C-alpha atoms as a PDB file:
ATOM      1  CA  MET A   1      56.309  92.803 157.065  1.00  0.00           C
ATOM      2  CA  LYS A   2      59.734  94.334 157.541  1.00  0.00           C
ATOM      3  CA  THR A   3      61.318  91.210 156.038  1.00  0.00           C
ATOM      4  CA  HIS A   4      59.185  91.551 152.916  1.00  0.00           C
ATOM      5  CA  ILE A   5      60.161  95.222 152.576  1.00  0.00           C
ATOM      6  CA  CYS A   6      63.845  94.392 152.994  1.00  0.00           C
ATOM      7  CA  ILE A   7      63.709  91.629 150.337  1.00  0.00           C
ATOM      8  CA  ALA A   8      61.871  93.934 147.952  1.00  0.00           C
ATOM      9  CA  ALA A   9      64.480  96.666 148.475  1.00  0.00           C
ATOM     10  CA  ILE A  10      67.351  94.258 147.816  1.00  0.00           C
ATOM     11  CA  ALA A  11      65.648  92.996 144.673  1.00  0.00           C
ATOM     12  CA  THR A  12      65.203  96.570 143.455  1.00  0.00           C
ATOM     13  CA  ILE A  13      68.874  97.342 144.058  1.00  0.00           C
ATOM     14  CA  LEU A  14      69.996  94.176 142.252  1.00  0.00           C
ATOM     15  CA  PHE A  15      67.720  94.934 139.291  1.00  0.00           C
ATOM     16  CA  ALA A  16      68.994  98.510 139.054  1.00  0.00           C
ATOM     17  CA  SER A  17      72.601  97.322 139.287  1.00  0.00           C
ATOM     18  CA  ALA A  18      72.083  94.800 136.480  1.00  0.00           C
ATOM     19  CA  ALA A  19      70.400  97.416 134.302  1.00  0.00           C
ATOM     20  CA  PHE A  20      73.239  99.884 134.954  1.00  0.00           C
ATOM     21  CA  SER A  21      75.818  97.225 134.075  1.00  0.00           C
ATOM     22  CA  GLN A  22      73.992  96.419 130.832  1.00  0.00           C
ATOM     23  CA  ASP A  23      73.809 100.134 129.945  1.00  0.00           C
ATOM     24  CA  LYS A  24      77.559 100.492 130.518  1.00  0.00           C
ATOM     25  CA  LYS A  25      78.236  97.485 128.243  1.00  0.00           C
ATOM     26  CA  THR A  26      76.014  99.012 125.565  1.00  0.00           C
ATOM     27  CA  GLU A  27      77.802 102.384 125.903  1.00  0.00           C
ATOM     28  CA  THR A  28      81.180 100.641 125.642  1.00  0.00           C
ATOM     29  CA  LYS A  29      80.147  98.796 122.483  1.00  0.00           C
ATOM     30  CA  LYS A  30      78.913 102.042 120.942  1.00  0.00           C
ATOM     31  CA  SER A  31      82.131 103.793 121.969  1.00  0.00           C
ATOM     32  CA  ASP A  32      84.253 101.006 120.440  1.00  0.00           C
ATOM     33  CA  LYS A  33      82.391 101.349 117.151  1.00  0.00           C
ATOM     34  CA  GLN A  34      82.678 105.122 117.134  1.00  0.00           C
ATOM     35  CA  ASN A  35      86.315 105.111 118.266  1.00  0.00           C
ATOM     36  CA  PRO A  36      88.055 101.999 116.894  1.00  0.00           C
ATOM     37  CA  LYS A  37      91.397 100.907 118.280  1.00  0.00           C
ATOM     38  CA  TRP A  38      94.650 102.462 117.125  1.00  0.00           C
ATOM     39  CA  GLU A  39      96.651 100.296 114.708  1.00  0.00           C
ATOM     40  CA  GLN A  40     100.426 100.356 115.096  1.00  0.00           C
ATOM     41  CA  LEU A  41     102.016 100.864 111.673  1.00  0.00           C
ATOM     42  CA  PHE A  42     105.512 100.587 113.158  1.00  0.00           C
ATOM     43  CA  ASN A  43     106.042  97.444 115.232  1.00  0.00           C
ATOM     44  CA  GLY A  44     109.164  98.694 117.056  1.00  0.00           C
ATOM     45  CA  LYS A  45     111.275  95.819 115.708  1.00  0.00           C
ATOM     46  CA  ASP A  46     111.685  96.072 111.944  1.00  0.00           C
ATOM     47  CA  LEU A  47     110.254  97.668 108.792  1.00  0.00           C
ATOM     48  CA  THR A  48     107.553  95.065 108.184  1.00  0.00           C
ATOM     49  CA  GLY A  49     104.837  96.676 106.051  1.00  0.00           C
ATOM     50  CA  TRP A  50     107.090  99.471 104.796  1.00  0.00           C
ATOM     51  CA  LYS A  51     109.115  99.932 101.565  1.00  0.00           C
ATOM     52  CA  ALA A  52     111.501 102.669 100.500  1.00  0.00           C
ATOM     53  CA  LYS A  53     111.471 104.731  97.307  1.00  0.00           C
ATOM     54  CA  ILE A  54     114.659 106.767  97.014  1.00  0.00           C
ATOM     55  CA  ARG A  55     115.388 109.077  94.104  1.00  0.00           C
ATOM     56  CA  GLY A  56     117.550 107.293  91.516  1.00  0.00           C
ATOM     57  CA  TYR A  57     116.582 103.823  92.752  1.00  0.00           C
ATOM     58  CA  LYS A  58     113.762 101.363  92.232  1.00  0.00           C
ATOM     59  CA  TYR A  59     110.828 101.144  94.623  1.00  0.00           C
ATOM     60  CA  GLY A  60     111.809  98.742  97.382  1.00  0.00           C
ATOM     61  CA  GLU A  61     115.559  99.468  97.210  1.00  0.00           C
ATOM     62  CA  ASN A  62     116.619 100.985 100.528  1.00  0.00           C
ATOM     63  CA  PHE A  63     119.862 102.642  99.388  1.00  0.00           C
ATOM     64  CA  GLY A  64     122.461 103.058 102.131  1.00  0.00           C
ATOM     65  CA  ASP A  65     120.140 101.449 104.674  1.00  0.00           C
ATOM     66  CA  THR A  66     118.606 104.930 104.902  1.00  0.00           C
ATOM     67  CA  PHE A  67     115.528 103.685 106.724  1.00  0.00           C
ATOM     68  CA  ARG A  68     116.264 101.301 109.576  1.00  0.00           C
ATOM     69  CA  VAL A  69     115.300 100.395 113.139  1.00  0.00           C
ATOM     70  CA  VAL A  70     117.804 101.399 115.825  1.00  0.00           C
ATOM     71  CA  ASP A  71     117.131 100.545 119.489  1.00  0.00           C
ATOM     72  CA  GLY A  72     113.429 100.183 118.756  1.00  0.00           C
ATOM     73  CA  LEU A  73     113.176 103.500 116.912  1.00  0.00           C
ATOM     74  CA  LEU A  74     112.372 103.932 113.216  1.00  0.00           C
ATOM     75  CA  THR A  75     115.412 105.917 112.146  1.00  0.00           C
ATOM     76  CA  VAL A  76     116.323 107.879 109.022  1.00  0.00           C
ATOM     77  CA  ASN A  77     120.117 107.975 108.861  1.00  0.00           C
ATOM     78  CA  TYR A  78     122.893 108.768 106.386  1.00  0.00           C
ATOM     79  CA  ASP A  79     126.057 107.273 107.861  1.00  0.00           C
ATOM     80  CA  LYS A  80     126.543 105.169 104.699  1.00  0.00           C
ATOM     81  CA  TYR A  81     126.315 108.200 102.389  1.00  0.00           C
ATOM     82  CA  ASP A  82     129.363 110.025 101.030  1.00  0.00           C
ATOM     83  CA  LYS A  83     127.069 112.950 100.259  1.00  0.00           C
ATOM     84  CA  PHE A  84     123.352 113.430  99.866  1.00  0.00           C
ATOM     85  CA  ASP A  85     123.335 114.202  96.139  1.00  0.00           C
ATOM     86  CA  ARG A  86     119.547 114.808  95.978  1.00  0.00           C
ATOM     87  CA  LYS A  87     118.692 111.285  97.093  1.00  0.00           C
ATOM     88  CA  PHE A  88     115.322 112.361  98.481  1.00  0.00           C
ATOM     89  CA  GLY A  89     113.617 109.314  99.937  1.00  0.00           C
ATOM     90  CA  HIS A  90     110.218 108.173 101.169  1.00  0.00           C
ATOM     91  CA  LEU A  91     109.283 105.130 103.220  1.00  0.00           C
ATOM     92  CA  PHE A  92     105.803 103.986 102.162  1.00  0.00           C
ATOM     93  CA  TYR A  93     103.329 101.989 104.209  1.00  0.00           C
ATOM     94  CA  LYS A  94     101.845  99.036 102.334  1.00  0.00           C
ATOM     95  CA  LYS A  95      98.223 100.193 101.970  1.00  0.00           C
ATOM     96  CA  PRO A  96      96.291 103.400 101.225  1.00  0.00           C
ATOM     97  CA  TYR A  97      93.953 105.167 103.634  1.00  0.00           C
ATOM     98  CA  SER A  98      91.191 107.733 103.252  1.00  0.00           C
ATOM     99  CA  ASN A  99      89.471 108.656 106.535  1.00  0.00           C
ATOM    100  CA  TYR A 100      91.640 108.387 109.616  1.00  0.00           C
ATOM    101  CA  ASN A 101      93.460 109.938 112.538  1.00  0.00           C
ATOM    102  CA  MET A 102      97.219 109.484 112.577  1.00  0.00           C
ATOM    103  CA  ARG A 103      99.578 109.991 115.503  1.00  0.00           C
ATOM    104  CA  ILE A 104     103.368 110.118 115.424  1.00  0.00           C
ATOM    105  CA  GLU A 105     106.124 110.854 117.908  1.00  0.00           C
ATOM    106  CA  TYR A 106     109.312 112.174 116.316  1.00  0.00           C
ATOM    107  CA  ARG A 107     112.562 113.961 117.041  1.00  0.00           C
ATOM    108  CA  PHE A 108     115.463 115.298 114.983  1.00  0.00           C
ATOM    109  CA  ILE A 109     118.912 114.019 115.905  1.00  0.00           C
ATOM    110  CA  GLY A 110     122.543 114.533 114.902  1.00  0.00           C
ATOM    111  CA  LYS A 111     123.807 116.575 111.979  1.00  0.00           C
ATOM    112  CA  GLN A 112     122.690 116.974 108.397  1.00  0.00           C
ATOM    113  CA  VAL A 113     124.568 114.831 105.877  1.00  0.00           C
ATOM    114  CA  ALA A 114     127.090 116.561 103.580  1.00  0.00           C
ATOM    115  CA  GLY A 115     125.522 117.847 100.399  1.00  0.00           C
ATOM    116  CA  GLY A 116     122.057 118.291 101.863  1.00  0.00           C
ATOM    117  CA  PRO A 117     120.284 121.507 100.779  1.00  0.00           C
ATOM    118  CA  GLY A 118     120.330 124.384 103.250  1.00  0.00           C
ATOM    119  CA  TRP A 119     116.543 124.450 103.548  1.00  0.00           C
ATOM    120  CA  ALA A 120     116.514 120.752 104.518  1.00  0.00           C
ATOM    121  CA  LYS A 121     118.398 121.164 107.805  1.00  0.00           C
ATOM    122  CA  ARG A 122     116.220 119.650 110.566  1.00  0.00           C
ATOM    123  CA  ASN A 123     113.535 119.172 107.929  1.00  0.00           C
ATOM    124  CA  SER A 124     111.448 116.078 107.197  1.00  0.00           C
ATOM    125  CA  GLY A 125     107.790 115.199 106.735  1.00  0.00           C
ATOM    126  CA  VAL A 126     104.864 112.833 106.732  1.00  0.00           C
ATOM    127  CA  MET A 127     103.312 112.557 103.285  1.00  0.00           C
ATOM    128  CA  ILE A 128      99.602 111.761 103.110  1.00  0.00           C
ATOM    129  CA  HIS A 129      97.300 111.130 100.124  1.00  0.00           C
ATOM    130  CA  CYS A 130     100.416 109.939  98.240  1.00  0.00           C
ATOM    131  CA  GLN A 131     100.275 108.530  94.742  1.00  0.00           C
ATOM    132  CA  ASP A 132     100.880 104.789  94.479  1.00  0.00           C
ATOM    133  CA  PRO A 133     104.682 104.456  94.889  1.00  0.00           C
ATOM    134  CA  THR A 134     104.819 101.993  91.983  1.00  0.00           C
ATOM    135  CA  THR A 135     103.791 104.874  89.679  1.00  0.00           C
ATOM    136  CA  MET A 136     106.685 107.145  90.695  1.00  0.00           C
ATOM    137  CA  GLY A 137     109.441 107.867  88.213  1.00  0.00           C
ATOM    138  CA  LYS A 138     112.907 106.569  89.066  1.00  0.00           C
ATOM    139  CA  ASN A 139     114.280 110.103  89.384  1.00  0.00           C
ATOM    140  CA  GLN A 140     111.167 111.706  90.882  1.00  0.00           C
ATOM    141  CA  ASP A 141     112.079 113.769  93.949  1.00  0.00           C
ATOM    142  CA  PHE A 142     108.761 113.590  95.835  1.00  0.00           C
ATOM    143  CA  PRO A 143     105.510 111.682  95.438  1.00  0.00           C
ATOM    144  CA  VAL A 144     102.474 113.689  94.391  1.00  0.00           C
ATOM    145  CA  SER A 145     100.990 114.147  97.839  1.00  0.00           C
ATOM    146  CA  ILE A 146     100.122 116.431 100.721  1.00  0.00           C
ATOM    147  CA  GLU A 147     103.150 116.957 102.944  1.00  0.00           C
ATOM    148  CA  VAL A 148     102.800 117.492 106.665  1.00  0.00           C
ATOM    149  CA  GLN A 149     106.152 119.210 107.037  1.00  0.00           C
ATOM    150  CA  LEU A 150     108.198 118.540 110.176  1.00  0.00           C
ATOM    151  CA  LEU A 151     110.756 121.191 111.133  1.00  0.00           C
ATOM    152  CA  GLY A 152     113.080 121.382 114.112  1.00  0.00           C
ATOM    153  CA  GLY A 153     114.242 124.635 115.655  1.00  0.00           C
ATOM    154  CA  LEU A 154     117.704 125.865 114.690  1.00  0.00           C
ATOM    155  CA  GLY A 155     118.700 126.906 118.202  1.00  0.00           C
ATOM    156  CA  THR A 156     117.412 130.455 117.997  1.00  0.00           C
ATOM    157  CA  GLY A 157     114.416 132.158 116.439  1.00  0.00           C
ATOM    158  CA  LYS A 158     110.987 130.863 115.520  1.00  0.00           C
ATOM    159  CA  ARG A 159     110.492 127.899 113.217  1.00  0.00           C
ATOM    160  CA  THR A 160     107.093 126.261 113.193  1.00  0.00           C
ATOM    161  CA  THR A 161     106.458 122.564 112.572  1.00  0.00           C
ATOM    162  CA  MET A 162     103.438 120.634 111.225  1.00  0.00           C
ATOM    163  CA  ASN A 163     103.374 123.006 108.270  1.00  0.00           C
ATOM    164  CA  LEU A 164     101.859 122.222 104.868  1.00  0.00           C
ATOM    165  CA  CYS A 165     103.702 121.691 101.579  1.00  0.00           C
ATOM    166  CA  THR A 166     102.097 120.600  98.319  1.00  0.00           C
ATOM    167  CA  PRO A 167     104.208 118.600  95.821  1.00  0.00           C
ATOM    168  CA  GLY A 168     101.966 118.280  92.762  1.00  0.00           C
ATOM    169  CA  THR A 169      98.913 119.380  94.704  1.00  0.00           C
ATOM    170  CA  HIS A 170      96.848 122.323  95.959  1.00  0.00           C
ATOM    171  CA  VAL A 171      94.402 122.782  98.829  1.00  0.00           C
ATOM    172  CA  GLU A 172      91.679 125.235  99.725  1.00  0.00           C
ATOM    173  CA  MET A 173      91.501 127.473 102.765  1.00  0.00           C
ATOM    174  CA  ASP A 174      88.354 129.419 103.614  1.00  0.00           C
ATOM    175  CA  GLY A 175      86.930 128.490 100.234  1.00  0.00           C
ATOM    176  CA  ALA A 176      89.873 129.860  98.213  1.00  0.00           C
ATOM    177  CA  LEU A 177      92.418 127.833  96.244  1.00  0.00           C
ATOM    178  CA  VAL A 178      95.921 128.029  97.737  1.00  0.00           C
ATOM    179  CA  ARG A 179      98.676 127.753  95.120  1.00  0.00           C
ATOM    180  CA  ARG A 180     101.715 128.566  97.289  1.00  0.00           C
ATOM    181  CA  HIS A 181     103.935 125.580  97.904  1.00  0.00           C
ATOM    182  CA  CYS A 182     104.220 125.845 101.701  1.00  0.00           C
ATOM    183  CA  THR A 183     102.018 127.286 104.449  1.00  0.00           C
ATOM    184  CA  SER A 184     103.214 127.723 108.034  1.00  0.00           C
ATOM    185  CA  SER A 185     101.267 126.432 111.014  1.00  0.00           C
ATOM    186  CA  LYS A 186     100.683 128.193 114.341  1.00  0.00           C
ATOM    187  CA  SER A 187     102.854 125.782 116.321  1.00  0.00           C
ATOM    188  CA  ASP A 188     105.563 126.491 118.859  1.00  0.00           C
ATOM    189  CA  THR A 189     109.224 126.007 117.931  1.00  0.00           C
ATOM    190  CA  TYR A 190     110.923 122.794 119.090  1.00  0.00           C
ATOM    191  CA  HIS A 191     114.685 123.145 119.503  1.00  0.00           C
ATOM    192  CA  GLY A 192     117.094 120.324 120.346  1.00  0.00           C
ATOM    193  CA  GLU A 193     116.288 116.619 120.305  1.00  0.00           C
ATOM    194  CA  LYS A 194     113.049 116.642 122.294  1.00  0.00           C
ATOM    195  CA  TRP A 195     110.205 114.352 121.272  1.00  0.00           C
ATOM    196  CA  VAL A 196     107.186 115.932 119.640  1.00  0.00           C
ATOM    197  CA  THR A 197     103.735 114.316 119.552  1.00  0.00           C
ATOM    198  CA  ALA A 198     101.842 115.229 116.404  1.00  0.00           C
ATOM    199  CA  GLU A 199      98.479 114.213 114.998  1.00  0.00           C
ATOM    200  CA  ILE A 200      96.821 114.443 111.603  1.00  0.00           C
ATOM    201  CA  GLU A 201      93.063 114.206 111.145  1.00  0.00           C
ATOM    202  CA  VAL A 202      92.181 113.274 107.561  1.00  0.00           C
ATOM    203  CA  ARG A 203      88.635 113.123 106.226  1.00  0.00           C
ATOM    204  CA  GLY A 204      89.070 111.951 102.652  1.00  0.00           C
ATOM    205  CA  GLY A 205      88.837 114.783 100.159  1.00  0.00           C
ATOM    206  CA  LYS A 206      87.050 117.083 102.588  1.00  0.00           C
ATOM    207  CA  THR A 207      89.236 118.298 105.457  1.00  0.00           C
ATOM    208  CA  VAL A 208      92.702 117.843 106.948  1.00  0.00           C
ATOM    209  CA  LYS A 209      93.792 119.122 110.349  1.00  0.00           C
ATOM    210  CA  HIS A 210      97.284 119.230 111.905  1.00  0.00           C
ATOM    211  CA  LEU A 211      97.560 119.056 115.707  1.00  0.00           C
ATOM    212  CA  ILE A 212     100.283 119.056 118.343  1.00  0.00           C
ATOM    213  CA  ASP A 213      99.462 117.748 121.821  1.00  0.00           C
ATOM    214  CA  GLY A 214      95.787 117.852 120.870  1.00  0.00           C
ATOM    215  CA  LYS A 215      95.869 121.506 119.792  1.00  0.00           C
ATOM    216  CA  SER A 216      95.007 122.401 116.181  1.00  0.00           C
ATOM    217  CA  VAL A 217      97.806 124.344 114.481  1.00  0.00           C
ATOM    218  CA  LEU A 218      96.648 124.232 110.830  1.00  0.00           C
ATOM    219  CA  SER A 219      93.616 123.106 108.815  1.00  0.00           C
ATOM    220  CA  TYR A 220      92.540 123.127 105.178  1.00  0.00           C
ATOM    221  CA  GLU A 221      90.060 121.583 102.769  1.00  0.00           C
ATOM    222  CA  LYS A 222      89.773 119.844  99.402  1.00  0.00           C
ATOM    223  CA  PRO A 223      93.273 118.468  98.765  1.00  0.00           C
ATOM    224  CA  GLN A 224      93.550 118.231  94.989  1.00  0.00           C
ATOM    225  CA  LEU A 225      95.877 117.505  92.084  1.00  0.00           C
ATOM    226  CA  ASP A 226      97.665 120.391  90.389  1.00  0.00           C
ATOM    227  CA  PRO A 227      96.955 120.061  86.643  1.00  0.00           C
ATOM    228  CA  ARG A 228     100.058 122.141  85.864  1.00  0.00           C
ATOM    229  CA  ASP A 229     102.434 119.743  87.628  1.00  0.00           C
ATOM    230  CA  LYS A 230     104.198 117.245  85.353  1.00  0.00           C
ATOM    231  CA  ASN A 231     103.955 114.386  87.859  1.00  0.00           C
ATOM    232  CA  ALA A 232     100.330 115.061  88.729  1.00  0.00           C
ATOM    233  CA  LYS A 233      99.182 115.222  85.105  1.00  0.00           C
ATOM    234  CA  SER A 234      99.548 111.471  84.622  1.00  0.00           C
ATOM    235  CA  LEU A 235      97.323 110.844  87.655  1.00  0.00           C
ATOM    236  CA  ILE A 236      94.420 113.007  86.503  1.00  0.00           C
ATOM    237  CA  LYS A 237      91.469 110.956  85.264  1.00  0.00           C
ATOM    238  CA  ASP A 238      88.824 113.678  85.303  1.00  0.00           C
ATOM    239  CA  GLU A 239      89.871 117.320  84.981  1.00  0.00           C
ATOM    240  CA  SER A 240      86.490 118.422  86.325  1.00  0.00           C
ATOM    241  CA  ASN A 241      87.198 116.660  89.637  1.00  0.00           C
ATOM    242  CA  LEU A 242      90.759 116.995  90.896  1.00  0.00           C
ATOM    243  CA  VAL A 243      90.028 116.326  94.578  1.00  0.00           C
ATOM    244  CA  ILE A 244      92.129 113.577  96.206  1.00  0.00           C
ATOM    245  CA  THR A 245      90.063 111.363  98.490  1.00  0.00           C
ATOM    246  CA  GLY A 246      92.798 109.041  99.748  1.00  0.00           C
ATOM    247  CA  GLY A 247      96.230 107.596  99.163  1.00  0.00           C
ATOM    248  CA  TYR A 248      99.364 106.114 100.653  1.00  0.00           C
ATOM    249  CA  ILE A 249     101.295 107.370 103.689  1.00  0.00           C
ATOM    250  CA  SER A 250     105.072 107.831 103.675  1.00  0.00           C
ATOM    251  CA  LEU A 251     107.819 109.130 105.962  1.00  0.00           C
ATOM    252  CA  GLN A 252     110.381 111.419 104.393  1.00  0.00           C
ATOM    253  CA  SER A 253     114.157 111.413 104.023  1.00  0.00           C
ATOM    254  CA  GLU A 254     115.479 114.887 103.181  1.00  0.00           C
ATOM    255  CA  SER A 255     119.097 114.765 104.434  1.00  0.00           C
ATOM    256  CA  HIS A 256     118.729 115.336 108.207  1.00  0.00           C
ATOM    257  CA  PRO A 257     118.506 112.346 110.598  1.00  0.00           C
ATOM    258  CA  ILE A 258     115.162 111.889 112.311  1.00  0.00           C
ATOM    259  CA  GLN A 259     113.617 109.203 114.512  1.00  0.00           C
ATOM    260  CA  PHE A 260     110.060 108.006 115.045  1.00  0.00           C
ATOM    261  CA  ARG A 261     109.108 106.024 118.140  1.00  0.00           C
ATOM    262  CA  LYS A 262     105.411 105.824 117.328  1.00  0.00           C
ATOM    263  CA  VAL A 263     103.481 105.710 114.055  1.00  0.00           C
ATOM    264  CA  GLU A 264      99.853 104.718 114.544  1.00  0.00           C
ATOM    265  CA  ILE A 265      96.540 105.137 112.796  1.00  0.00           C
ATOM    266  CA  GLN A 266      92.868 105.035 113.712  1.00  0.00           C
ATOM    267  CA  GLU A 267      90.532 104.553 110.780  1.00  0.00           C
ATOM    268  CA  VAL A 268      87.329 106.573 111.042  1.00  0.00           C
ATOM    269  CA  LYS A 269      83.935 105.695 109.630  1.00  0.00           C
ATOM    270  CA  VAL A 270      82.239 108.721 108.097  1.00  0.00           C
ATOM    271  CA  ASP A 271      78.707 109.364 106.946  1.00  0.00           C
ATOM    272  CA  LYS A 272      78.729 109.270 103.141  1.00  0.00           C
ATOM    273  CA  LYS A 273      75.672 111.507 102.926  1.00  0.00           C
END
């Protein structure tokens, strides 16, 4: 009798263990679908998948080797420049995105190149919802886009990072259209050459959120084309619907050296209802 009870108990335990294991596998599969793997846009070796567009030059011409990989870091440098001379540059990734989470690790290094504008000291950015780089004019300073502005501290005082700037665009905040060019975030100030981990959550033409170390520092809605902007005008197909639902991603060159050791993206499936 006791033997029968013992066998039955063992069988029950084995059945429960198998069921638990199956449930965990099911949960993992669901989790993988809900949270797909992060894709590395920068491979740590070279600029495969990326192309430069620098003011005054054709798309794909990386003047002065501005964008390069140094010791495994994607580096924006100006040691081959005599002076900056408004050569604003952008390094574009090869494909557009719409709904995604993006994570970067960056730091400012060295000194600003001669001739760089005063406001561009320790200043760079990640441009999202960019126009197709092949449609940019040869002497166009910035792509029509939403700029996630990166700023480094100047040694003293407060200077937030992960701000918003809007070349050829507008956004809405709390249901109201925001026409000002730049909006400051609520971030801390990062002096020196320390690494900063920043994230961007993009949900098409609905919402965008800027985060540092998982903490939201700025959010807004309905990124849209500015019908008054000369570069944006050529991109407008329907004046009754200016909202931008997706676009290319680029890293900025604005005259101060900066490095990126991680650039990764996680595409997100959203309910279209």
